[in-house]
């Protein structure tokens, strides 16, 4: 272990899910800069994955309250909700 530490061995794997979430957040910020809101259509031709990510975030937000009543959890943490609120993410689209 000491030899591995000495050469800078990384003991933890990268958090790919967090990296992906951060990447999509940056794409959403760029979308907002261009369009003035965070209402990415689910079939947004230039980036359909972003549209699906936004839709999924809204579904997870709704599920948070249902799961909390049951004692469960969703991938949408309090920190992620705070971050999305900070960029004026619309949780409901009419």
C-alpha atoms as a PDB file:
ATOM      1  CA  UNK A   1       0.000   0.000   0.000  1.00  0.00           C
ATOM      2  CA  UNK A   2       2.794   2.414   0.839  1.00  0.00           C
ATOM      3  CA  UNK A   3       4.424   1.836  -2.561  1.00  0.00           C
ATOM      4  CA  UNK A   4       1.156   2.547  -4.345  1.00  0.00           C
ATOM      5  CA  UNK A   5       0.601   5.665  -2.244  1.00  0.00           C
ATOM      6  CA  UNK A   6       4.149   6.788  -3.080  1.00  0.00           C
ATOM      7  CA  UNK A   7       3.428   6.704  -6.820  1.00  0.00           C
ATOM      8  CA  UNK A   8       0.105   8.523  -6.413  1.00  0.00           C
ATOM      9  CA  UNK A   9      -2.237   5.569  -6.886  1.00  0.00           C
ATOM     10  CA  UNK A  10      -5.907   6.652  -6.896  1.00  0.00           C
ATOM     11  CA  UNK A  11      -7.806   4.472  -4.440  1.00  0.00           C
ATOM     12  CA  UNK A  12     -11.256   5.671  -5.429  1.00  0.00           C
ATOM     13  CA  UNK A  13     -12.860   5.277  -8.809  1.00  0.00           C
ATOM     14  CA  UNK A  14     -14.140   8.411 -10.502  1.00  0.00           C
ATOM     15  CA  UNK A  15     -17.809   9.141  -9.922  1.00  0.00           C
ATOM     16  CA  UNK A  16     -19.024   8.759 -13.498  1.00  0.00           C
ATOM     17  CA  UNK A  17     -22.646   9.437 -12.595  1.00  0.00           C
ATOM     18  CA  UNK A  18     -21.706  12.731 -10.953  1.00  0.00           C
ATOM     19  CA  UNK A  19     -19.467  13.609 -13.898  1.00  0.00           C
ATOM     20  CA  UNK A  20     -22.354  12.962 -16.306  1.00  0.00           C
ATOM     21  CA  UNK A  21     -24.727  15.038 -14.164  1.00  0.00           C
ATOM     22  CA  UNK A  22     -22.220  17.912 -14.078  1.00  0.00           C
ATOM     23  CA  UNK A  23     -21.799  17.706 -17.869  1.00  0.00           C
ATOM     24  CA  UNK A  24     -25.562  17.846 -18.472  1.00  0.00           C
ATOM     25  CA  UNK A  25     -25.842  20.755 -16.033  1.00  0.00           C
ATOM     26  CA  UNK A  26     -23.268  22.683 -18.094  1.00  0.00           C
ATOM     27  CA  UNK A  27     -25.226  21.893 -21.260  1.00  0.00           C
ATOM     28  CA  UNK A  28     -28.400  23.154 -19.573  1.00  0.00           C
ATOM     29  CA  UNK A  29     -26.666  26.380 -18.526  1.00  0.00           C
ATOM     30  CA  UNK A  30     -25.521  26.885 -22.125  1.00  0.00           C
ATOM     31  CA  UNK A  31     -29.080  26.219 -23.347  1.00  0.00           C
ATOM     32  CA  UNK A  32     -30.443  28.789 -20.889  1.00  0.00           C
ATOM     33  CA  UNK A  33     -27.870  31.336 -22.007  1.00  0.00           C
ATOM     34  CA  UNK A  34     -29.035  30.902 -25.596  1.00  0.00           C
ATOM     35  CA  UNK A  35     -32.803  30.523 -25.051  1.00  0.00           C
ATOM     36  CA  UNK A  36     -33.444  32.414 -21.813  1.00  0.00           C
ATOM     37  CA  UNK A  37     -35.001  29.489 -19.922  1.00  0.00           C
ATOM     38  CA  UNK A  38     -34.402  25.885 -18.897  1.00  0.00           C
ATOM     39  CA  UNK A  39     -37.396  24.461 -20.757  1.00  0.00           C
ATOM     40  CA  UNK A  40     -35.560  22.115 -23.081  1.00  0.00           C
ATOM     41  CA  UNK A  41     -38.052  20.231 -25.277  1.00  0.00           C
ATOM     42  CA  UNK A  42     -37.819  16.468 -24.812  1.00  0.00           C
ATOM     43  CA  UNK A  43     -37.197  16.166 -28.565  1.00  0.00           C
ATOM     44  CA  UNK A  44     -34.707  19.032 -28.806  1.00  0.00           C
ATOM     45  CA  UNK A  45     -33.041  18.127 -32.102  1.00  0.00           C
ATOM     46  CA  UNK A  46     -29.566  19.547 -31.413  1.00  0.00           C
ATOM     47  CA  UNK A  47     -29.352  17.589 -28.133  1.00  0.00           C
ATOM     48  CA  UNK A  48     -32.153  15.104 -27.453  1.00  0.00           C
ATOM     49  CA  UNK A  49     -30.210  13.677 -24.494  1.00  0.00           C
ATOM     50  CA  UNK A  50     -30.426  17.057 -22.758  1.00  0.00           C
ATOM     51  CA  UNK A  51     -34.182  17.156 -23.276  1.00  0.00           C
ATOM     52  CA  UNK A  52     -34.510  13.704 -21.750  1.00  0.00           C
ATOM     53  CA  UNK A  53     -32.236  14.710 -18.845  1.00  0.00           C
ATOM     54  CA  UNK A  54     -34.433  17.744 -18.079  1.00  0.00           C
ATOM     55  CA  UNK A  55     -37.586  15.620 -18.236  1.00  0.00           C
ATOM     56  CA  UNK A  56     -35.983  13.041 -15.958  1.00  0.00           C
ATOM     57  CA  UNK A  57     -34.974  15.755 -13.465  1.00  0.00           C
ATOM     58  CA  UNK A  58     -38.596  16.878 -13.261  1.00  0.00           C
ATOM     59  CA  UNK A  59     -39.824  13.319 -12.756  1.00  0.00           C
ATOM     60  CA  UNK A  60     -37.216  12.706 -10.041  1.00  0.00           C
ATOM     61  CA  UNK A  61     -38.219  15.947  -8.322  1.00  0.00           C
ATOM     62  CA  UNK A  62     -41.831  14.805  -8.201  1.00  0.00           C
ATOM     63  CA  UNK A  63     -40.789  11.325  -7.049  1.00  0.00           C
ATOM     64  CA  UNK A  64     -38.691  12.766  -4.193  1.00  0.00           C
ATOM     65  CA  UNK A  65     -41.813  13.688  -2.282  1.00  0.00           C
ATOM     66  CA  UNK A  66     -43.543  10.385  -2.945  1.00  0.00           C
ATOM     67  CA  UNK A  67     -40.424   8.379  -2.016  1.00  0.00           C
ATOM     68  CA  UNK A  68     -39.762  10.395   1.145  1.00  0.00           C
ATOM     69  CA  UNK A  69     -43.196   9.430   2.396  1.00  0.00           C
ATOM     70  CA  UNK A  70     -42.176   5.785   1.859  1.00  0.00           C
ATOM     71  CA  UNK A  71     -38.666   6.308   3.266  1.00  0.00           C
ATOM     72  CA  UNK A  72     -36.974   5.906  -0.137  1.00  0.00           C
ATOM     73  CA  UNK A  73     -34.671   8.137  -2.151  1.00  0.00           C
ATOM     74  CA  UNK A  74     -34.113   9.343  -5.720  1.00  0.00           C
ATOM     75  CA  UNK A  75     -30.911  10.393  -7.531  1.00  0.00           C
ATOM     76  CA  UNK A  76     -32.013  14.027  -7.225  1.00  0.00           C
ATOM     77  CA  UNK A  77     -30.303  15.087  -4.014  1.00  0.00           C
ATOM     78  CA  UNK A  78     -31.006  18.239  -2.017  1.00  0.00           C
ATOM     79  CA  UNK A  79     -27.758  19.688  -3.373  1.00  0.00           C
ATOM     80  CA  UNK A  80     -28.816  19.064  -6.971  1.00  0.00           C
ATOM     81  CA  UNK A  81     -32.189  20.693  -6.308  1.00  0.00           C
ATOM     82  CA  UNK A  82     -30.383  23.742  -4.869  1.00  0.00           C
ATOM     83  CA  UNK A  83     -28.128  23.939  -7.929  1.00  0.00           C
ATOM     84  CA  UNK A  84     -31.044  23.716 -10.355  1.00  0.00           C
ATOM     85  CA  UNK A  85     -33.041  26.252  -8.343  1.00  0.00           C
ATOM     86  CA  UNK A  86     -30.048  28.613  -8.511  1.00  0.00           C
ATOM     87  CA  UNK A  87     -30.263  28.645 -12.315  1.00  0.00           C
ATOM     88  CA  UNK A  88     -34.051  29.142 -12.133  1.00  0.00           C
ATOM     89  CA  UNK A  89     -34.933  25.658 -13.332  1.00  0.00           C
ATOM     90  CA  UNK A  90     -38.673  25.313 -13.956  1.00  0.00           C
ATOM     91  CA  UNK A  91     -39.896  22.219 -12.118  1.00  0.00           C
ATOM     92  CA  UNK A  92     -43.301  22.412 -13.763  1.00  0.00           C
ATOM     93  CA  UNK A  93     -43.966  23.250 -17.362  1.00  0.00           C
ATOM     94  CA  UNK A  94     -47.456  24.225 -18.427  1.00  0.00           C
END
